[in-house]
Structures are given as structure tokens and as C-alpha cells.
Amino acid sequence: MKNLRYIIVLAALTAVAGLLSFTPKPAAKQIVVPIAFYNLENLFDTIHDEVWDTVDGVPVKIADKNDYEYLPDGTNSWSSMKYWAKQKNMSYALSQLGIDRQVNGPAIIGVSEIENRRVLEDLVKQPALKDRGYKIIHEEGPDRRGVDCAFLYNPRMFKYQRHKLIPYIYPDNDTTHATRGFLLATGTILKEEVNVIVNHWPSRFAGSFFREHAGKQVRAIVDSLQRQNPDAKIIIMGDMNDDPDNKSMAEALGAKRSEKDCGPQDLWNPWWDHLRKRGVGTLKYDGAWNLFDQIVFTANFLKNVKNDGYKSLTYFTHEVFNRDFLIQQEGAYKGNPLRTHAGGTWLNGYSDHFPTIVYFAKEVE
């Protein structure tokens, strides 16, 4: 009996000593990182601009921008009052993106239909956004109407490394309908390198061929990045002027519908079923929804491909950001995105597109 008591006491002391010497590892927490895209629908200032390029190191004027409808004497009577109302509206919309899952909002917001850097500088200074400290990535492009793509990024969440504007290569070198290039930015999110490409592909009026041509060119950029680093994480976003199942996206770019069909270097498009099964889109035309505003990404963001849970930056969920304040509440276009203008009437709205958001997550200690 004495031996039994001795063994029990010894075991208890050993357990206590073990507890005293054990240093528990801090529990991992999951950080959610929204990445967003928004077509800002003609964010023009009230000043006439020109299109310039550099030839042999010398600045050369190519053309006058076709921004006349957004001048004070233009068809939209685009005054300073309207411009600043637009800035206030767009900054509020941007400030609301993703905040229900990340109080700081998106790490990166890709935007299209902006006229120049000036309008972005005004945008990030608006009261709704100024505390975020968003920085700007923008390069002036050749679009005849003067609209460009750009990025806003939160430097606390996205550590910028480099960027470049990759020009759209025209079939037969015909630049009659000069269009936007592909803006590629590289940086780190939670210490992982991420490449992001923002797009605004040729319009529906140009014909499918030109958007398919854009899809092939973006696929070539992806291939080039993956040759440099087979594990490259790549996000492609933009107004593609096509739906997920159109040839430019499904074939030329090769963005797959099903996660299970993806290998690590494939592209996955989460919006396909969003449109075709749920009937949710980002813009309406003749009463039918389209989903042109897409964010697709390499499958090495997917849990079922990596099998490491959220140990690295991983896809979590996605949404079309179609909140009530962005929706027209009455009239013939009830239920549509609430635009800035419609039928020549100033509506003091937002955009003819809804924003889209993809949420990524990672466990950190």
C-alpha cells in the first residue's frame, strides 16, 4: 500500500512539473483578406485631356481624348458639382466593400473607367476613404475615350513590389480601336507574393474576336509568370465585357468552372455558377443579368488542391456586392444598378456595374 501511495504521489508531482515546464503555443487566428474589383462608370474630371505616348524617349501627342461629354459644355453638362457628388458616392461605395469580414476593407481594389491619376488622387482623399491610406497604381493608356484601369491598395495589407502596363497587341497592328492594356502589379499579402492583373477588355460592340484575343494575351502573361515560378499565385480581375462561359473566358483564358477539374497551375472562375445557377450578375442589359466583372485566380489558392487548410493564403468565399444603396429603387429600371446618368438624366448614382469581391484567408499566430 505504501508503494502504491508513493507511485501515485510521484505521478502527481511529475504531472505538475510537466504543466509548469510546458509553454503553450499561441492559438492561430484567421485573417480575412478581401480583394475587390469595381467598374466606376466614367469617373471623369471636368478638364479636357490629351493622349500622349513616348516615341524614342520623346513625348508625343497621339490624339485628343474623347472626353467631351464629360466637360461642362458637353452632353452630360459635367460640372464641378456633379464631379464632386460622383467622388463622394464612389468613395462611400468603396469604403463599404468587405467591411463585414475585414474592418479595414480590401487589401486591393482594381478599378476601371477612370480618366487619369488626378481623379484617383481626389478619390482616396475623400472623407470616406482618407483614413485607409490607399496608394495608387496607374499608368496612362492609349484608350481613345481616355479610360484606364488602376489599383488602389492598402499598404498595411499589400506590400507593393513592382508593376507594369502590358499593352494589348492588336491583330494586324490595327490600332484604329485602341484599347486598354493589362496592368500587372506584384506584392506580398501576409508575406506571400501575389501577382494581380486588372483588365478592361474590348466592348461587346467590338465583337467576340477582340475579347478572345485579350483572353489569349492574359493567358500568355499567366504562362510567363508560371515559367518564372511554377508556384506563382495569380489573380485576374476586371470588366471582361463577357460572361464566365463565353469563349474569351472559358477557352481563350481557360478559367475553369469546377474546382475538381483544376490542377495547381490552372485558373478557377468562381462566378460561373453564380450567374448560371443563382441568376446573380453585376449589370443588366435588356432585362437580363450579365456577370462581366470577374475575379479569377490560380488553383493554388484552393484548399482541395493544396490540402493545407488555411496555412497559406487560401480562397474563402466570394460575392457580388449588390447592396440596396447601389440599386435603383423605382421606375422602369427598378432593380438595376443605380447609375450616374440614365437617358440623359443625372441620377446622382454610382455605377452601371456592381462590385465583386473575393475573400482569401490565412492562419497566423
Protein backbone atom coordinates (compact mmCIF):
# COMPACT_ATOMS: atom_id res chain seq x y z
CA MET A 1 0.00 0.00 0.00
CA LYS A 2 2.88 2.36 0.86
CA ASN A 3 4.40 1.64 -2.54
CA LEU A 4 1.08 2.40 -4.25
CA ARG A 5 0.80 5.75 -2.41
CA TYR A 6 4.38 6.57 -3.38
CA ILE A 7 3.68 5.84 -7.04
CA ILE A 8 0.52 8.00 -7.04
CA VAL A 9 2.32 10.95 -5.35
CA LEU A 10 5.26 10.63 -7.72
CA ALA A 11 2.96 10.59 -10.74
CA ALA A 12 1.12 13.69 -9.49
CA LEU A 13 4.37 15.59 -8.91
CA THR A 14 5.61 14.61 -12.34
CA ALA A 15 2.37 15.86 -13.93
CA VAL A 16 2.57 19.18 -12.05
CA ALA A 17 6.20 19.63 -13.08
CA GLY A 18 5.23 18.92 -16.64
CA LEU A 19 2.48 21.55 -16.52
CA LEU A 20 4.86 24.12 -15.03
CA SER A 21 7.50 23.50 -17.69
CA PHE A 22 5.04 23.43 -20.66
CA THR A 23 4.79 26.67 -22.68
CA PRO A 24 1.55 26.59 -24.69
CA LYS A 25 1.81 27.60 -28.37
CA PRO A 26 -0.33 30.64 -29.16
CA ALA A 27 -3.55 29.69 -30.95
CA ALA A 28 -3.61 30.56 -34.64
CA LYS A 29 -6.09 33.16 -35.78
CA GLN A 30 -7.52 33.50 -39.26
CA ILE A 31 -7.08 36.82 -41.06
CA VAL A 32 -9.54 37.51 -43.88
CA VAL A 33 -8.26 39.49 -46.87
CA PRO A 34 -10.81 40.90 -49.36
CA ILE A 35 -9.72 41.58 -52.94
CA ALA A 36 -12.24 43.65 -54.95
CA PHE A 37 -12.98 44.98 -58.40
CA TYR A 38 -15.27 47.86 -59.39
CA ASN A 39 -16.05 49.50 -62.72
CA LEU A 40 -16.51 53.12 -61.61
CA GLU A 41 -18.51 54.08 -64.73
CA ASN A 42 -16.89 57.11 -66.28
CA LEU A 43 -15.05 58.71 -63.39
CA PHE A 44 -14.02 61.76 -65.44
CA ASP A 45 -12.91 65.16 -64.24
CA THR A 46 -14.14 68.36 -65.89
CA ILE A 47 -10.88 69.13 -67.78
CA HIS A 48 -10.14 68.15 -71.38
CA ASP A 49 -7.21 65.71 -71.68
CA GLU A 50 -4.93 64.60 -74.48
CA VAL A 51 -3.45 61.17 -75.23
CA TRP A 52 0.36 61.11 -75.11
CA ASP A 53 2.94 58.41 -75.68
CA THR A 54 6.72 58.24 -75.69
CA VAL A 55 8.48 57.60 -79.00
CA ASP A 56 12.26 57.15 -78.88
CA GLY A 57 12.26 58.82 -75.48
CA VAL A 58 10.33 61.85 -76.69
CA PRO A 59 6.74 62.63 -75.52
CA VAL A 60 4.38 62.67 -78.50
CA LYS A 61 0.73 63.70 -78.56
CA ILE A 62 -1.28 60.91 -80.17
CA ALA A 63 -4.78 62.37 -80.02
CA ASP A 64 -7.30 64.40 -78.07
CA LYS A 65 -9.20 62.27 -75.59
CA ASN A 66 -12.81 61.80 -76.50
CA ASP A 67 -13.91 63.10 -73.11
CA TYR A 68 -16.15 65.84 -74.47
CA GLU A 69 -19.41 64.55 -72.99
CA TYR A 70 -17.78 64.91 -69.55
CA LEU A 71 -16.94 68.58 -69.90
CA PRO A 72 -19.07 71.45 -68.55
CA ASP A 73 -20.37 72.22 -72.04
CA GLY A 74 -20.71 68.55 -73.01
CA THR A 75 -23.84 66.45 -73.38
CA ASN A 76 -23.76 65.48 -69.69
CA SER A 77 -23.16 69.08 -68.53
CA TRP A 78 -20.43 67.63 -66.34
CA SER A 79 -19.96 70.35 -63.73
CA SER A 80 -17.77 70.53 -60.64
CA MET A 81 -20.88 69.89 -58.54
CA LYS A 82 -21.60 66.63 -60.37
CA TYR A 83 -17.93 65.61 -60.28
CA TRP A 84 -17.65 66.00 -56.52
CA ALA A 85 -21.00 64.28 -55.98
CA LYS A 86 -19.67 61.35 -58.01
CA GLN A 87 -16.47 61.33 -55.94
CA LYS A 88 -18.47 61.27 -52.71
CA ASN A 89 -20.70 58.43 -53.92
CA MET A 90 -17.91 56.25 -55.27
CA SER A 91 -15.72 56.73 -52.20
CA TYR A 92 -18.61 55.70 -49.96
CA ALA A 93 -19.28 52.58 -52.04
CA LEU A 94 -15.59 51.64 -51.96
CA SER A 95 -15.44 52.22 -48.20
CA GLN A 96 -18.20 49.62 -47.67
CA LEU A 97 -16.56 46.80 -49.60
CA GLY A 98 -15.72 43.79 -47.47
CA ILE A 99 -16.02 45.50 -44.08
CA ASP A 100 -18.38 42.88 -42.68
CA ARG A 101 -15.47 40.40 -42.82
CA GLN A 102 -12.45 42.74 -42.63
CA VAL A 103 -12.82 46.07 -40.85
CA ASN A 104 -10.01 47.59 -42.95
CA GLY A 105 -11.76 46.75 -46.22
CA PRO A 106 -9.98 45.30 -49.25
CA ALA A 107 -6.21 44.96 -49.49
CA ILE A 108 -6.50 45.70 -53.21
CA ILE A 109 -9.28 47.27 -55.27
CA GLY A 110 -8.96 47.05 -59.04
CA VAL A 111 -10.88 49.77 -60.84
CA SER A 112 -11.76 50.58 -64.43
CA GLU A 113 -13.26 53.52 -66.34
CA ILE A 114 -11.15 56.15 -64.63
CA GLU A 115 -9.86 59.05 -66.73
CA ASN A 116 -6.49 59.74 -65.14
CA ARG A 117 -4.46 59.75 -61.97
CA ARG A 118 -6.00 63.04 -60.82
CA VAL A 119 -9.44 61.51 -60.31
CA LEU A 120 -7.90 58.73 -58.21
CA GLU A 121 -5.97 61.20 -56.08
CA ASP A 122 -9.24 63.04 -55.42
CA LEU A 123 -10.96 59.72 -54.69
CA VAL A 124 -8.57 58.46 -52.00
CA LYS A 125 -8.71 61.87 -50.26
CA GLN A 126 -12.48 61.73 -49.81
CA PRO A 127 -13.62 61.56 -46.16
CA ALA A 128 -14.96 58.02 -46.55
CA LEU A 129 -11.55 56.69 -47.66
CA LYS A 130 -8.82 59.00 -46.43
CA ASP A 131 -8.16 57.10 -43.18
CA ARG A 132 -7.45 53.91 -45.15
CA GLY A 133 -4.30 55.42 -46.66
CA TYR A 134 -4.87 53.84 -50.06
CA LYS A 135 -2.00 54.15 -52.54
CA ILE A 136 -2.44 54.28 -56.33
CA ILE A 137 -1.03 52.17 -59.16
CA HIS A 138 -1.83 53.71 -62.54
CA GLU A 139 -0.28 54.08 -65.98
CA GLU A 140 -1.79 56.25 -68.69
CA GLY A 141 -3.09 54.05 -71.52
CA PRO A 142 -3.93 54.56 -75.20
CA ASP A 143 -7.72 54.29 -74.99
CA ARG A 144 -9.20 56.96 -77.28
CA ARG A 145 -12.01 57.78 -74.86
CA GLY A 146 -9.40 58.14 -72.17
CA VAL A 147 -10.48 55.47 -69.68
CA ASP A 148 -7.84 53.43 -67.86
CA CYS A 149 -7.55 50.65 -65.31
CA ALA A 150 -5.81 51.14 -61.97
CA PHE A 151 -5.31 49.69 -58.50
CA LEU A 152 -5.90 51.15 -55.08
CA TYR A 153 -4.05 49.26 -52.36
CA ASN A 154 -3.79 49.44 -48.59
CA PRO A 155 -0.04 49.45 -47.80
CA ARG A 156 -0.70 47.86 -44.41
CA MET A 157 -2.12 44.79 -46.15
CA PHE A 158 -0.43 44.72 -49.57
CA LYS A 159 3.33 45.30 -49.68
CA TYR A 160 3.95 46.73 -53.13
CA GLN A 161 6.97 45.50 -55.11
CA ARG A 162 6.54 46.45 -58.77
CA HIS A 163 4.07 46.97 -61.62
CA LYS A 164 3.90 47.42 -65.37
CA LEU A 165 1.30 48.10 -68.02
CA ILE A 166 1.40 45.37 -70.67
CA PRO A 167 -0.08 46.68 -73.93
CA TYR A 168 -2.89 44.96 -75.81
CA ILE A 169 -1.36 43.54 -79.01
CA TYR A 170 -3.59 44.33 -81.97
CA PRO A 171 -4.32 41.85 -84.76
CA ASP A 172 -2.53 43.04 -87.92
CA ASN A 173 -1.22 46.02 -85.90
CA ASP A 174 -4.51 47.82 -86.50
CA THR A 175 -4.84 50.39 -83.70
CA THR A 176 -7.97 52.05 -85.06
CA HIS A 177 -9.83 50.99 -81.93
CA ALA A 178 -7.03 51.46 -79.39
CA THR A 179 -7.97 49.84 -76.10
CA ARG A 180 -6.77 49.29 -72.57
CA GLY A 181 -3.72 47.21 -71.73
CA PHE A 182 -3.26 44.78 -68.84
CA LEU A 183 -1.99 46.33 -65.60
CA LEU A 184 0.12 43.83 -63.64
CA ALA A 185 1.07 44.53 -60.01
CA THR A 186 3.18 42.33 -57.76
CA GLY A 187 3.48 42.48 -53.99
CA THR A 188 3.02 40.44 -50.84
CA ILE A 189 -0.03 39.73 -48.72
CA LEU A 190 0.69 38.18 -45.32
CA LYS A 191 4.26 37.52 -46.53
CA GLU A 192 3.17 35.65 -49.66
CA GLU A 193 3.91 37.02 -53.13
CA VAL A 194 0.80 37.67 -55.20
CA ASN A 195 0.51 38.84 -58.81
CA VAL A 196 -2.66 40.75 -59.74
CA ILE A 197 -3.75 41.71 -63.27
CA VAL A 198 -6.54 44.25 -63.77
CA ASN A 199 -8.35 44.31 -67.12
CA HIS A 200 -10.99 46.11 -69.13
CA TRP A 201 -11.45 44.08 -72.29
CA PRO A 202 -12.84 45.45 -75.60
CA SER A 203 -16.54 46.25 -75.68
CA ARG A 204 -19.34 44.00 -76.89
CA PHE A 205 -19.65 46.22 -79.95
CA ALA A 206 -16.10 45.30 -80.98
CA GLY A 207 -17.06 41.63 -81.39
CA SER A 208 -16.06 38.47 -79.54
CA PHE A 209 -12.81 38.03 -81.51
CA PHE A 210 -11.14 41.00 -79.82
CA ARG A 211 -12.05 39.79 -76.33
CA GLU A 212 -10.87 36.29 -77.17
CA HIS A 213 -7.63 37.92 -78.30
CA ALA A 214 -7.43 39.64 -74.90
CA GLY A 215 -8.04 36.32 -73.14
CA LYS A 216 -5.17 34.69 -75.03
CA GLN A 217 -2.85 37.55 -74.14
CA VAL A 218 -3.68 37.36 -70.43
CA ARG A 219 -3.19 33.59 -70.58
CA ALA A 220 0.26 34.27 -72.05
CA ILE A 221 1.05 36.59 -69.12
CA VAL A 222 -0.02 33.86 -66.68
CA ASP A 223 2.13 31.29 -68.51
CA SER A 224 5.12 33.62 -68.37
CA LEU A 225 4.71 34.18 -64.62
CA GLN A 226 4.39 30.44 -64.05
CA ARG A 227 7.52 29.71 -66.08
CA GLN A 228 9.42 32.06 -63.77
CA ASN A 229 7.79 30.49 -60.70
CA PRO A 230 5.61 27.37 -61.06
CA ASP A 231 4.03 28.18 -57.68
CA ALA A 232 3.13 31.77 -58.60
CA LYS A 233 -0.14 32.95 -57.09
CA ILE A 234 -2.05 34.98 -59.69
CA ILE A 235 -5.33 36.89 -59.50
CA ILE A 236 -7.01 38.20 -62.68
CA MET A 237 -9.78 40.76 -62.29
CA GLY A 238 -11.68 43.19 -64.42
CA ASP A 239 -14.60 44.12 -66.60
CA MET A 240 -14.20 41.42 -69.22
CA ASN A 241 -17.28 42.51 -71.24
CA ASP A 242 -18.08 38.79 -71.36
CA ASP A 243 -19.72 36.25 -69.06
CA PRO A 244 -17.80 33.38 -67.42
CA ASP A 245 -18.96 30.84 -70.03
CA ASN A 246 -18.14 32.99 -73.08
CA LYS A 247 -15.23 31.87 -75.27
CA SER A 248 -12.86 34.62 -74.14
CA MET A 249 -13.03 33.44 -70.51
CA ALA A 250 -13.72 29.72 -70.76
CA GLU A 251 -11.47 28.89 -73.72
CA ALA A 252 -9.01 31.69 -74.50
CA LEU A 253 -8.17 32.41 -70.86
CA GLY A 254 -9.02 28.87 -69.79
CA ALA A 255 -10.74 29.71 -66.49
CA LYS A 256 -12.43 26.50 -65.33
CA ARG A 257 -15.93 26.12 -63.91
CA SER A 258 -15.27 23.26 -61.47
CA GLU A 259 -12.73 23.23 -58.64
CA LYS A 260 -12.27 19.50 -59.02
CA ASP A 261 -11.05 19.94 -62.60
CA CYS A 262 -8.22 22.26 -61.54
CA GLY A 263 -4.57 21.41 -61.19
CA PRO A 264 -2.32 23.79 -59.19
CA GLN A 265 -1.45 25.94 -62.24
CA ASP A 266 -4.97 26.09 -63.66
CA LEU A 267 -7.30 29.07 -63.32
CA TRP A 268 -10.61 28.75 -61.47
CA ASN A 269 -13.61 31.01 -62.10
CA PRO A 270 -15.98 31.12 -59.09
CA TRP A 271 -18.56 33.26 -60.91
CA TRP A 272 -19.78 30.73 -63.46
CA ASP A 273 -22.38 29.12 -61.17
CA HIS A 274 -23.05 32.47 -59.50
CA LEU A 275 -24.59 33.61 -62.78
CA ARG A 276 -25.94 30.42 -64.35
CA LYS A 277 -27.29 28.67 -61.24
CA ARG A 278 -28.17 31.56 -58.94
CA GLY A 279 -29.00 34.19 -61.57
CA VAL A 280 -26.85 36.83 -59.86
CA GLY A 281 -24.99 39.30 -62.09
CA THR A 282 -23.18 42.62 -61.99
CA LEU A 283 -25.03 44.53 -64.73
CA LYS A 284 -28.32 44.31 -66.57
CA TYR A 285 -28.95 44.67 -70.29
CA ASP A 286 -32.43 44.42 -71.85
CA GLY A 287 -33.74 42.97 -68.59
CA ALA A 288 -31.19 40.14 -68.38
CA TRP A 289 -28.25 39.86 -65.98
CA ASN A 290 -24.66 39.60 -67.13
CA LEU A 291 -21.62 39.00 -64.95
CA PHE A 292 -18.78 40.83 -66.70
CA ASP A 293 -16.97 41.85 -63.51
CA GLN A 294 -14.98 38.79 -62.60
CA ILE A 295 -12.10 37.87 -60.32
CA VAL A 296 -10.44 34.55 -61.22
CA PHE A 297 -7.30 33.05 -59.75
CA THR A 298 -4.83 30.20 -59.89
CA ALA A 299 -5.97 26.99 -58.23
CA ASN A 300 -3.06 27.04 -55.78
CA PHE A 301 -5.35 29.27 -53.70
CA LEU A 302 -7.81 26.36 -53.30
CA LYS A 303 -7.91 24.10 -50.22
CA ASN A 304 -8.72 20.96 -52.20
CA VAL A 305 -5.62 21.47 -54.36
CA LYS A 306 -3.17 22.36 -51.55
CA ASN A 307 -4.63 20.25 -48.72
CA ASP A 308 -3.11 22.55 -46.09
CA GLY A 309 -6.25 24.24 -44.79
CA TYR A 310 -5.54 27.94 -44.27
CA LYS A 311 -1.82 27.60 -43.52
CA SER A 312 -1.17 29.66 -46.64
CA LEU A 313 -3.30 32.32 -48.33
CA THR A 314 -6.44 30.45 -49.36
CA TYR A 315 -9.76 31.16 -51.09
CA PHE A 316 -12.58 31.56 -48.56
CA THR A 317 -15.67 32.88 -50.37
CA HIS A 318 -16.86 35.47 -52.91
CA GLU A 319 -19.80 37.80 -53.55
CA VAL A 320 -21.39 40.29 -55.88
CA PHE A 321 -21.63 43.40 -53.71
CA ASN A 322 -25.21 44.40 -54.58
CA ARG A 323 -26.30 46.32 -51.51
CA ASP A 324 -29.58 48.28 -51.56
CA PHE A 325 -27.93 51.70 -51.80
CA LEU A 326 -26.38 50.66 -55.14
CA ILE A 327 -29.74 49.59 -56.60
CA GLN A 328 -32.36 51.73 -58.35
CA GLN A 329 -35.46 51.50 -56.17
CA GLU A 330 -38.18 52.75 -58.51
CA GLY A 331 -39.12 53.45 -62.11
CA ALA A 332 -38.65 51.45 -65.30
CA TYR A 333 -35.18 50.34 -64.24
CA LYS A 334 -36.07 49.29 -60.71
CA GLY A 335 -33.64 46.60 -59.56
CA ASN A 336 -30.83 47.73 -61.87
CA PRO A 337 -27.57 49.23 -60.64
CA LEU A 338 -28.15 52.91 -59.80
CA ARG A 339 -26.17 54.81 -62.43
CA THR A 340 -24.74 58.31 -62.55
CA HIS A 341 -26.77 59.13 -65.68
CA ALA A 342 -29.59 57.34 -67.50
CA GLY A 343 -31.39 58.55 -70.59
CA GLY A 344 -29.67 61.92 -70.33
CA THR A 345 -30.87 62.44 -66.75
CA TRP A 346 -28.45 62.84 -63.87
CA LEU A 347 -29.40 60.32 -61.19
CA ASN A 348 -26.60 61.13 -58.75
CA GLY A 349 -25.95 57.40 -58.52
CA TYR A 350 -22.91 55.17 -58.53
CA SER A 351 -22.19 52.89 -61.47
CA ASP A 352 -23.93 50.70 -64.03
CA HIS A 353 -21.97 47.76 -62.58
CA PHE A 354 -21.92 46.17 -59.13
CA PRO A 355 -18.54 45.50 -57.50
CA THR A 356 -17.27 41.97 -56.93
CA ILE A 357 -15.20 40.67 -54.02
CA VAL A 358 -13.19 37.50 -53.41
CA TYR A 359 -12.21 36.79 -49.81
CA PHE A 360 -8.96 34.98 -49.01
CA ALA A 361 -7.85 33.87 -45.55
CA LYS A 362 -4.75 32.72 -43.75
CA GLU A 363 -3.95 31.44 -40.27
CA VAL A 364 -1.34 33.48 -38.42
CA GLU A 365 -0.02 33.15 -34.88
